[in-house]
C-alpha cells in the first residue's frame, strides 16, 4: 500500500493503528469515523488509478456498527450491508453472528457430504470413508472455528456425530 499515509488512521489498539486487512485482491479498510473511511477510500481509489487498477463498485461494500451515512467513490454511493463473507468467514456486527456462522458452516459441510454421497454409501472400507470425511466435509465445518464462541447453543448446533453416522 505504497504511497498511502494512513499512519494515524484506523482503529487505535495499544498504541498502534490497524487500518486494513488484505489478502491477494481482497482488502478490508477499518476506521473509527465515516469521514476517515471516506478519506481512506478516496486515497485508495487515487493510488489504485495511478497504477492502472480499478475498484470494483459491485464488490465494494460497507459494514458498520454505527449510524449509516453516505460514502461514495467518484460520486457513486457504496452499498451498506449487514454482513459479508471475507476469506470464507461471515463478518457481521449482529449479536447472533456466531450462531449464524456455525449454521452456515454446518450447511457447507452437508453440501460437501452430499456431493460425495456415493463414496459414503458405497461398500468401500470404513477407513477410506473416514479419510474422505476428514479430508473434505469435516474441514468445511471446522474452518474458522478458532474464532467461534462455544456457548451451549453453539455446541448444540454442531452435530458432527450425526454427519458421521449418516456417512457410515
N, C-alpha and C. Protein backbone atom coordinates (compact mmCIF):
# COMPACT_ATOMS: atom_id res chain seq x y z
N UNK A 1 0.84 -1.16 0.00
CA UNK A 1 0.00 0.00 0.00
C UNK A 1 0.90 1.24 0.00
N UNK A 2 1.85 1.18 -0.90
CA UNK A 2 2.79 2.29 -1.03
C UNK A 2 2.08 3.58 -1.41
N UNK A 3 2.55 4.66 -0.85
CA UNK A 3 2.02 5.97 -1.20
C UNK A 3 0.81 6.38 -0.39
N UNK A 4 0.31 5.51 0.46
CA UNK A 4 -0.84 5.86 1.30
C UNK A 4 -0.36 6.15 2.71
N UNK A 5 -0.62 7.34 3.19
CA UNK A 5 -0.22 7.70 4.55
C UNK A 5 -1.40 7.52 5.49
N UNK A 6 -1.54 6.32 6.01
CA UNK A 6 -2.62 6.02 6.94
C UNK A 6 -2.04 5.76 8.34
N UNK A 7 -0.90 6.37 8.63
CA UNK A 7 -0.22 6.10 9.89
C UNK A 7 -1.03 6.52 11.12
N UNK A 8 -1.95 7.44 10.96
CA UNK A 8 -2.77 7.91 12.09
C UNK A 8 -4.26 7.67 11.84
N UNK A 9 -4.58 6.68 11.00
CA UNK A 9 -5.99 6.37 10.73
C UNK A 9 -6.27 4.92 11.09
N UNK A 10 -7.52 4.62 11.27
CA UNK A 10 -7.93 3.26 11.58
C UNK A 10 -8.30 3.10 13.04
N UNK A 11 -8.27 1.87 13.50
CA UNK A 11 -8.61 1.57 14.88
C UNK A 11 -7.36 1.65 15.74
N UNK A 12 -7.40 2.46 16.78
CA UNK A 12 -6.24 2.64 17.66
C UNK A 12 -6.26 1.52 18.70
N UNK A 13 -5.27 0.64 18.63
CA UNK A 13 -5.20 -0.51 19.52
C UNK A 13 -3.81 -0.58 20.14
N UNK A 14 -3.74 -0.39 21.46
CA UNK A 14 -2.49 -0.48 22.22
C UNK A 14 -1.37 0.31 21.57
N UNK A 15 -1.64 1.55 21.22
CA UNK A 15 -0.62 2.45 20.69
C UNK A 15 -0.35 2.32 19.21
N UNK A 16 -1.02 1.42 18.53
CA UNK A 16 -0.82 1.25 17.09
C UNK A 16 -2.16 1.40 16.38
N UNK A 17 -2.09 1.63 15.07
CA UNK A 17 -3.30 1.78 14.27
C UNK A 17 -3.47 0.58 13.34
N UNK A 18 -4.64 -0.03 13.41
CA UNK A 18 -5.00 -1.09 12.48
C UNK A 18 -5.98 -0.48 11.50
N UNK A 19 -5.56 -0.35 10.24
CA UNK A 19 -6.42 0.35 9.27
C UNK A 19 -6.79 -0.50 8.06
N UNK A 20 -6.19 -1.65 7.91
CA UNK A 20 -6.60 -2.51 6.80
C UNK A 20 -6.15 -3.95 7.02
N UNK A 21 -6.89 -4.85 6.40
CA UNK A 21 -6.54 -6.27 6.31
C UNK A 21 -6.53 -6.59 4.84
N UNK A 22 -5.57 -7.37 4.39
CA UNK A 22 -5.54 -7.70 2.96
C UNK A 22 -5.03 -9.11 2.72
N UNK A 23 -5.55 -9.68 1.66
CA UNK A 23 -5.13 -10.98 1.20
C UNK A 23 -5.40 -11.02 -0.29
N UNK A 24 -4.37 -11.23 -1.08
CA UNK A 24 -4.48 -11.24 -2.55
C UNK A 24 -5.17 -9.96 -3.00
N UNK A 25 -6.33 -10.07 -3.64
CA UNK A 25 -7.01 -8.86 -4.11
C UNK A 25 -8.18 -8.47 -3.20
N UNK A 26 -8.25 -9.06 -2.01
CA UNK A 26 -9.29 -8.70 -1.04
C UNK A 26 -8.71 -7.73 -0.02
N UNK A 27 -9.46 -6.67 0.24
CA UNK A 27 -8.99 -5.63 1.15
C UNK A 27 -10.13 -5.19 2.04
N UNK A 28 -9.85 -5.08 3.33
CA UNK A 28 -10.81 -4.55 4.30
C UNK A 28 -10.19 -3.30 4.90
N UNK A 29 -10.91 -2.19 4.84
CA UNK A 29 -10.46 -0.95 5.47
C UNK A 29 -11.18 -0.81 6.81
N UNK A 30 -10.45 -0.34 7.82
CA UNK A 30 -11.01 -0.15 9.15
C UNK A 30 -10.84 1.30 9.56
N UNK A 31 -11.91 1.89 10.10
CA UNK A 31 -11.81 3.28 10.55
C UNK A 31 -12.72 3.51 11.74
N UNK A 32 -12.43 4.59 12.45
CA UNK A 32 -13.24 4.98 13.61
C UNK A 32 -14.43 5.84 13.20
N UNK A 33 -14.31 6.59 12.09
CA UNK A 33 -15.36 7.53 11.71
C UNK A 33 -15.68 7.41 10.23
N UNK A 34 -16.86 7.90 9.87
CA UNK A 34 -17.27 7.88 8.46
C UNK A 34 -16.39 8.82 7.64
N UNK A 35 -15.99 9.95 8.20
CA UNK A 35 -15.11 10.88 7.47
C UNK A 35 -13.75 10.24 7.19
N UNK A 36 -13.23 9.53 8.17
CA UNK A 36 -11.96 8.83 7.99
C UNK A 36 -12.10 7.75 6.91
N UNK A 37 -13.21 7.03 6.92
CA UNK A 37 -13.43 5.99 5.91
C UNK A 37 -13.52 6.61 4.52
N UNK A 38 -14.25 7.71 4.39
CA UNK A 38 -14.37 8.39 3.09
C UNK A 38 -12.99 8.81 2.60
N UNK A 39 -12.18 9.36 3.48
CA UNK A 39 -10.84 9.80 3.11
C UNK A 39 -9.97 8.61 2.68
N UNK A 40 -10.06 7.51 3.42
CA UNK A 40 -9.27 6.32 3.08
C UNK A 40 -9.68 5.76 1.73
N UNK A 41 -10.97 5.71 1.47
CA UNK A 41 -11.46 5.19 0.19
C UNK A 41 -11.00 6.07 -0.96
N UNK A 42 -11.08 7.39 -0.77
CA UNK A 42 -10.64 8.31 -1.82
C UNK A 42 -9.15 8.15 -2.10
N UNK A 43 -8.34 8.06 -1.04
CA UNK A 43 -6.89 7.92 -1.26
C UNK A 43 -6.55 6.57 -1.87
N UNK A 44 -7.27 5.51 -1.49
CA UNK A 44 -7.05 4.20 -2.09
C UNK A 44 -7.44 4.20 -3.56
N UNK A 45 -8.55 4.84 -3.87
CA UNK A 45 -9.00 4.91 -5.27
C UNK A 45 -7.99 5.67 -6.12
N UNK A 46 -7.46 6.78 -5.61
CA UNK A 46 -6.45 7.56 -6.36
C UNK A 46 -5.17 6.75 -6.55
N UNK A 47 -4.72 6.10 -5.49
CA UNK A 47 -3.49 5.29 -5.58
C UNK A 47 -3.68 4.12 -6.54
N UNK A 48 -4.86 3.52 -6.53
CA UNK A 48 -5.15 2.40 -7.44
C UNK A 48 -5.13 2.86 -8.89
N UNK A 49 -5.77 3.99 -9.15
CA UNK A 49 -5.84 4.53 -10.51
C UNK A 49 -4.45 4.83 -11.05
N UNK A 50 -3.56 5.34 -10.19
CA UNK A 50 -2.19 5.68 -10.61
C UNK A 50 -1.44 4.47 -11.16
N UNK A 51 -1.75 3.29 -10.64
CA UNK A 51 -1.04 2.09 -11.09
C UNK A 51 -1.90 1.22 -12.02
N UNK A 52 -2.98 1.80 -12.53
CA UNK A 52 -3.80 1.12 -13.52
C UNK A 52 -4.82 0.14 -12.96
N UNK A 53 -5.11 0.23 -11.68
CA UNK A 53 -6.11 -0.65 -11.07
C UNK A 53 -7.42 0.11 -10.87
N UNK A 54 -8.50 -0.65 -10.82
CA UNK A 54 -9.81 -0.04 -10.67
C UNK A 54 -10.57 -0.75 -9.55
N UNK A 55 -11.20 0.03 -8.68
CA UNK A 55 -12.01 -0.56 -7.62
C UNK A 55 -13.33 -1.04 -8.21
N UNK A 56 -13.73 -2.24 -7.86
CA UNK A 56 -14.98 -2.81 -8.36
C UNK A 56 -16.12 -2.37 -7.44
N UNK A 57 -16.95 -1.45 -7.93
CA UNK A 57 -18.05 -0.93 -7.13
C UNK A 57 -19.08 -2.01 -6.77
N UNK A 58 -19.21 -3.01 -7.61
CA UNK A 58 -20.17 -4.09 -7.33
C UNK A 58 -19.72 -4.94 -6.14
N UNK A 59 -18.42 -5.03 -5.93
CA UNK A 59 -17.89 -5.83 -4.83
C UNK A 59 -17.56 -5.00 -3.60
N UNK A 60 -17.56 -3.69 -3.74
CA UNK A 60 -17.21 -2.81 -2.63
C UNK A 60 -18.43 -2.59 -1.75
N UNK A 61 -18.29 -2.96 -0.48
CA UNK A 61 -19.40 -2.87 0.48
C UNK A 61 -18.90 -2.24 1.77
N UNK A 62 -19.85 -1.74 2.55
CA UNK A 62 -19.53 -1.16 3.85
C UNK A 62 -20.38 -1.85 4.90
N UNK A 63 -19.75 -2.16 6.03
CA UNK A 63 -20.45 -2.69 7.18
C UNK A 63 -20.10 -1.78 8.35
N UNK A 64 -21.09 -1.50 9.18
CA UNK A 64 -20.84 -0.57 10.29
C UNK A 64 -21.60 -1.01 11.53
N UNK A 65 -21.09 -0.60 12.68
CA UNK A 65 -21.81 -0.79 13.93
C UNK A 65 -22.33 0.56 14.43
N UNK A 66 -22.39 1.51 13.53
CA UNK A 66 -22.82 2.86 13.84
C UNK A 66 -23.94 3.27 12.87
N UNK A 67 -24.28 4.53 12.91
CA UNK A 67 -25.31 5.06 12.02
C UNK A 67 -24.82 5.04 10.57
N UNK A 68 -25.71 4.71 9.65
CA UNK A 68 -25.37 4.67 8.23
C UNK A 68 -25.34 6.09 7.68
N UNK A 69 -24.18 6.44 7.08
CA UNK A 69 -24.02 7.74 6.44
C UNK A 69 -23.39 7.51 5.08
N UNK A 70 -23.80 8.28 4.08
CA UNK A 70 -23.33 8.02 2.71
C UNK A 70 -21.81 8.12 2.57
N UNK A 71 -21.26 7.14 1.86
CA UNK A 71 -19.85 7.14 1.47
C UNK A 71 -19.84 6.83 -0.02
N UNK A 72 -19.00 7.54 -0.76
CA UNK A 72 -19.01 7.40 -2.22
C UNK A 72 -17.62 7.17 -2.78
N UNK A 73 -17.60 6.64 -4.00
CA UNK A 73 -16.39 6.58 -4.83
C UNK A 73 -16.76 7.27 -6.13
N UNK A 74 -16.07 8.36 -6.44
CA UNK A 74 -16.38 9.13 -7.66
C UNK A 74 -17.88 9.44 -7.76
N UNK A 75 -18.45 9.90 -6.69
CA UNK A 75 -19.88 10.27 -6.60
C UNK A 75 -20.84 9.09 -6.73
N UNK A 76 -20.33 7.87 -6.71
CA UNK A 76 -21.18 6.67 -6.71
C UNK A 76 -21.29 6.16 -5.28
N UNK A 77 -22.52 6.02 -4.77
CA UNK A 77 -22.67 5.56 -3.38
C UNK A 77 -22.22 4.11 -3.22
N UNK A 78 -21.61 3.83 -2.08
CA UNK A 78 -21.19 2.47 -1.74
C UNK A 78 -22.30 1.85 -0.90
N UNK A 79 -22.65 0.62 -1.23
CA UNK A 79 -23.74 -0.08 -0.55
C UNK A 79 -23.33 -0.50 0.87
N UNK A 80 -24.24 -0.29 1.81
CA UNK A 80 -24.08 -0.80 3.16
C UNK A 80 -24.71 -2.19 3.23
N UNK A 81 -24.06 -3.11 3.93
CA UNK A 81 -24.60 -4.45 4.12
C UNK A 81 -24.54 -4.80 5.60
N UNK A 82 -25.36 -5.75 6.01
CA UNK A 82 -25.36 -6.19 7.41
C UNK A 82 -24.31 -7.27 7.67
N UNK A 83 -23.88 -7.96 6.60
CA UNK A 83 -22.85 -8.99 6.74
C UNK A 83 -22.22 -9.23 5.38
N UNK A 84 -21.06 -9.86 5.39
CA UNK A 84 -20.40 -10.27 4.15
C UNK A 84 -19.45 -11.41 4.47
N UNK A 85 -19.01 -12.08 3.43
CA UNK A 85 -18.07 -13.19 3.60
C UNK A 85 -16.69 -12.67 3.22
N UNK A 86 -15.74 -12.75 4.16
CA UNK A 86 -14.36 -12.34 3.90
C UNK A 86 -13.47 -13.55 4.16
N UNK A 87 -12.76 -13.98 3.13
CA UNK A 87 -11.88 -15.14 3.19
C UNK A 87 -12.60 -16.36 3.77
N UNK A 88 -13.85 -16.54 3.34
CA UNK A 88 -14.62 -17.71 3.73
C UNK A 88 -15.32 -17.63 5.06
N UNK A 89 -15.19 -16.51 5.76
CA UNK A 89 -15.80 -16.35 7.09
C UNK A 89 -16.82 -15.24 7.05
N UNK A 90 -17.97 -15.47 7.65
CA UNK A 90 -19.03 -14.46 7.72
C UNK A 90 -18.64 -13.40 8.74
N UNK A 91 -18.73 -12.14 8.32
CA UNK A 91 -18.40 -11.00 9.18
C UNK A 91 -19.68 -10.19 9.38
N UNK A 92 -19.97 -9.84 10.63
CA UNK A 92 -21.18 -9.08 10.93
C UNK A 92 -21.09 -8.51 12.34
N UNK A 93 -21.85 -7.46 12.59
CA UNK A 93 -21.97 -6.92 13.93
C UNK A 93 -23.23 -7.44 14.63
N UNK A 94 -23.97 -8.32 13.97
CA UNK A 94 -25.18 -8.88 14.56
C UNK A 94 -24.84 -9.68 15.81
N UNK A 95 -25.71 -9.60 16.81
CA UNK A 95 -25.45 -10.29 18.08
C UNK A 95 -25.37 -11.80 17.91
N UNK A 96 -26.15 -12.35 16.99
CA UNK A 96 -26.17 -13.80 16.80
C UNK A 96 -25.28 -14.26 15.65
N UNK A 97 -24.30 -13.45 15.27
CA UNK A 97 -23.43 -13.79 14.14
C UNK A 97 -22.71 -15.13 14.35
N UNK A 98 -22.31 -15.40 15.58
CA UNK A 98 -21.61 -16.65 15.87
C UNK A 98 -22.47 -17.86 15.52
N UNK A 99 -23.72 -17.85 15.95
CA UNK A 99 -24.63 -18.96 15.67
C UNK A 99 -24.92 -19.05 14.17
N UNK A 100 -25.12 -17.90 13.53
CA UNK A 100 -25.39 -17.89 12.09
C UNK A 100 -24.20 -18.47 11.33
N UNK A 101 -22.97 -18.11 11.74
CA UNK A 101 -21.77 -18.64 11.08
C UNK A 101 -21.66 -20.15 11.28
N UNK A 102 -21.95 -20.62 12.48
CA UNK A 102 -21.90 -22.06 12.74
C UNK A 102 -22.93 -22.79 11.88
N UNK A 103 -24.15 -22.25 11.80
CA UNK A 103 -25.18 -22.86 10.96
C UNK A 103 -24.75 -22.87 9.49
N UNK A 104 -24.10 -21.80 9.05
CA UNK A 104 -23.61 -21.72 7.67
C UNK A 104 -22.55 -22.79 7.42
N UNK A 105 -21.63 -22.96 8.38
CA UNK A 105 -20.57 -23.96 8.23
C UNK A 105 -21.17 -25.37 8.22
N UNK A 106 -22.19 -25.61 9.05
CA UNK A 106 -22.85 -26.91 9.05
C UNK A 106 -23.48 -27.18 7.69
N UNK A 107 -24.14 -26.19 7.12
CA UNK A 107 -24.76 -26.36 5.80
C UNK A 107 -23.70 -26.63 4.74
N UNK A 108 -22.57 -25.92 4.80
CA UNK A 108 -21.48 -26.18 3.85
C UNK A 108 -20.94 -27.60 4.00
N UNK A 109 -20.89 -28.08 5.24
CA UNK A 109 -20.43 -29.45 5.50
C UNK A 109 -21.39 -30.46 4.88
N UNK A 110 -22.69 -30.25 5.07
CA UNK A 110 -23.67 -31.14 4.46
C UNK A 110 -23.58 -31.09 2.94
N UNK A 111 -23.37 -29.91 2.38
CA UNK A 111 -23.22 -29.80 0.92
C UNK A 111 -22.05 -30.64 0.43
N UNK A 112 -20.92 -30.57 1.16
CA UNK A 112 -19.75 -31.38 0.79
C UNK A 112 -20.06 -32.87 0.91
N UNK A 113 -20.75 -33.21 2.00
CA UNK A 113 -21.11 -34.61 2.21
C UNK A 113 -21.97 -35.12 1.05
N UNK A 114 -23.04 -34.39 0.74
CA UNK A 114 -23.96 -34.85 -0.31
C UNK A 114 -23.28 -34.91 -1.67
N UNK A 115 -22.29 -34.05 -1.90
CA UNK A 115 -21.58 -34.11 -3.18
C UNK A 115 -20.72 -35.37 -3.29
N UNK A 116 -20.45 -36.01 -2.15
CA UNK A 116 -19.64 -37.23 -2.13
C UNK A 116 -20.41 -38.43 -1.57
N UNK A 117 -21.72 -38.32 -1.60
CA UNK A 117 -22.58 -39.35 -1.02
C UNK A 117 -22.28 -40.74 -1.58
N UNK A 118 -21.94 -40.81 -2.87
CA UNK A 118 -21.64 -42.10 -3.48
C UNK A 118 -20.52 -42.84 -2.75
N UNK A 119 -19.53 -42.10 -2.31
CA UNK A 119 -18.41 -42.71 -1.57
C UNK A 119 -18.91 -43.22 -0.23
N UNK A 120 -19.67 -42.38 0.49
CA UNK A 120 -20.09 -42.74 1.83
C UNK A 120 -21.13 -43.86 1.87
N UNK A 121 -21.91 -44.01 0.81
CA UNK A 121 -22.93 -45.06 0.75
C UNK A 121 -22.42 -46.33 0.07
N UNK A 122 -21.17 -46.30 -0.37
CA UNK A 122 -20.60 -47.45 -1.08
C UNK A 122 -20.13 -48.52 -0.09
N UNK A 123 -19.61 -49.59 -0.64
CA UNK A 123 -19.06 -50.68 0.17
C UNK A 123 -17.57 -50.52 0.41
N UNK A 124 -17.06 -49.32 0.22
CA UNK A 124 -15.64 -49.07 0.49
C UNK A 124 -15.35 -49.29 1.97
N UNK A 125 -14.11 -49.60 2.31
CA UNK A 125 -13.75 -49.80 3.72
C UNK A 125 -14.01 -48.53 4.54
N UNK A 126 -14.40 -48.74 5.79
CA UNK A 126 -14.70 -47.62 6.68
C UNK A 126 -13.49 -46.70 6.85
N UNK A 127 -12.28 -47.27 6.79
CA UNK A 127 -11.08 -46.45 6.93
C UNK A 127 -10.94 -45.45 5.78
N UNK A 128 -11.31 -45.89 4.58
CA UNK A 128 -11.26 -44.99 3.43
C UNK A 128 -12.34 -43.91 3.54
N UNK A 129 -13.53 -44.31 3.99
CA UNK A 129 -14.60 -43.34 4.20
C UNK A 129 -14.19 -42.29 5.24
N UNK A 130 -13.52 -42.75 6.28
CA UNK A 130 -13.07 -41.83 7.33
C UNK A 130 -12.06 -40.84 6.77
N UNK A 131 -11.15 -41.32 5.92
CA UNK A 131 -10.17 -40.41 5.30
C UNK A 131 -10.87 -39.36 4.45
N UNK A 132 -11.86 -39.79 3.67
CA UNK A 132 -12.60 -38.84 2.83
C UNK A 132 -13.34 -37.84 3.72
N UNK A 133 -13.99 -38.31 4.79
CA UNK A 133 -14.72 -37.43 5.69
C UNK A 133 -13.78 -36.40 6.32
N UNK A 134 -12.61 -36.84 6.74
CA UNK A 134 -11.65 -35.94 7.38
C UNK A 134 -10.96 -35.00 6.40
N UNK A 135 -10.99 -35.34 5.11
CA UNK A 135 -10.34 -34.52 4.09
C UNK A 135 -11.28 -33.48 3.48
N UNK A 136 -12.54 -33.82 3.34
CA UNK A 136 -13.46 -32.92 2.62
C UNK A 136 -14.55 -32.31 3.50
N UNK A 137 -15.56 -33.07 3.93
CA UNK A 137 -16.65 -32.42 4.67
C UNK A 137 -16.23 -31.81 6.00
N UNK A 138 -15.44 -32.53 6.80
CA UNK A 138 -15.11 -32.03 8.13
C UNK A 138 -14.37 -30.69 8.12
N UNK A 139 -13.38 -30.47 7.24
CA UNK A 139 -12.75 -29.15 7.19
C UNK A 139 -13.72 -28.02 6.83
N UNK A 140 -14.78 -28.34 6.10
CA UNK A 140 -15.79 -27.32 5.80
C UNK A 140 -16.46 -26.84 7.08
N UNK A 141 -16.61 -27.74 8.03
CA UNK A 141 -17.22 -27.38 9.31
C UNK A 141 -16.24 -26.61 10.20
N UNK A 142 -15.02 -27.08 10.27
CA UNK A 142 -14.09 -26.53 11.25
C UNK A 142 -13.35 -25.27 10.80
N UNK A 143 -13.42 -24.93 9.50
CA UNK A 143 -12.73 -23.74 9.01
C UNK A 143 -13.21 -22.50 9.77
N UNK A 144 -12.30 -21.79 10.37
CA UNK A 144 -12.65 -20.58 11.11
C UNK A 144 -13.16 -20.82 12.51
N UNK A 145 -13.21 -22.08 12.94
CA UNK A 145 -13.79 -22.39 14.25
C UNK A 145 -12.96 -21.82 15.41
N UNK A 146 -11.71 -21.46 15.14
CA UNK A 146 -10.88 -20.87 16.19
C UNK A 146 -11.47 -19.55 16.70
N UNK A 147 -12.31 -18.93 15.91
CA UNK A 147 -12.88 -17.63 16.29
C UNK A 147 -14.29 -17.76 16.85
N UNK A 148 -14.83 -18.96 16.93
CA UNK A 148 -16.19 -19.13 17.44
C UNK A 148 -16.23 -19.02 18.95
N UNK A 149 -17.35 -18.54 19.46
CA UNK A 149 -17.64 -18.56 20.90
C UNK A 149 -18.45 -19.83 21.13
N UNK A 150 -17.95 -20.73 21.96
CA UNK A 150 -18.63 -22.01 22.15
C UNK A 150 -19.58 -21.96 23.34
N UNK A 151 -20.77 -21.48 23.09
CA UNK A 151 -21.85 -21.50 24.08
C UNK A 151 -22.56 -22.84 23.99
N UNK A 152 -23.45 -23.08 24.93
CA UNK A 152 -24.25 -24.31 24.88
C UNK A 152 -25.04 -24.37 23.59
N UNK A 153 -25.62 -23.22 23.19
CA UNK A 153 -26.39 -23.18 21.95
C UNK A 153 -25.51 -23.52 20.75
N UNK A 154 -24.29 -22.97 20.74
CA UNK A 154 -23.37 -23.24 19.63
C UNK A 154 -23.01 -24.73 19.58
N UNK A 155 -22.72 -25.29 20.73
CA UNK A 155 -22.35 -26.71 20.78
C UNK A 155 -23.50 -27.59 20.30
N UNK A 156 -24.73 -27.20 20.64
CA UNK A 156 -25.88 -27.99 20.21
C UNK A 156 -26.09 -27.92 18.70
N UNK A 157 -25.58 -26.90 18.06
CA UNK A 157 -25.71 -26.76 16.61
C UNK A 157 -24.77 -27.69 15.86
N UNK A 158 -23.68 -28.03 16.49
CA UNK A 158 -22.66 -28.82 15.81
C UNK A 158 -22.96 -30.31 16.00
N UNK A 159 -23.39 -30.93 14.94
CA UNK A 159 -23.79 -32.33 15.00
C UNK A 159 -22.84 -33.19 14.19
N UNK A 160 -21.58 -33.16 14.55
CA UNK A 160 -20.58 -33.94 13.80
C UNK A 160 -20.94 -35.42 13.85
N UNK A 161 -21.39 -35.87 15.00
CA UNK A 161 -21.73 -37.29 15.16
C UNK A 161 -22.84 -37.69 14.19
N UNK A 162 -23.84 -36.82 14.01
CA UNK A 162 -24.91 -37.13 13.07
C UNK A 162 -24.38 -37.24 11.64
N UNK A 163 -23.50 -36.34 11.27
CA UNK A 163 -22.91 -36.40 9.93
C UNK A 163 -22.13 -37.71 9.78
N UNK A 164 -21.35 -38.05 10.80
CA UNK A 164 -20.56 -39.26 10.73
C UNK A 164 -21.45 -40.50 10.66
N UNK A 165 -22.50 -40.56 11.49
CA UNK A 165 -23.41 -41.70 11.47
C UNK A 165 -24.06 -41.86 10.10
N UNK A 166 -24.46 -40.75 9.50
CA UNK A 166 -25.08 -40.79 8.18
C UNK A 166 -24.08 -41.27 7.14
N UNK A 167 -22.83 -40.84 7.30
CA UNK A 167 -21.80 -41.18 6.32
C UNK A 167 -21.44 -42.66 6.35
N UNK A 168 -21.48 -43.23 7.51
CA UNK A 168 -21.02 -44.61 7.63
C UNK A 168 -22.18 -45.54 7.86
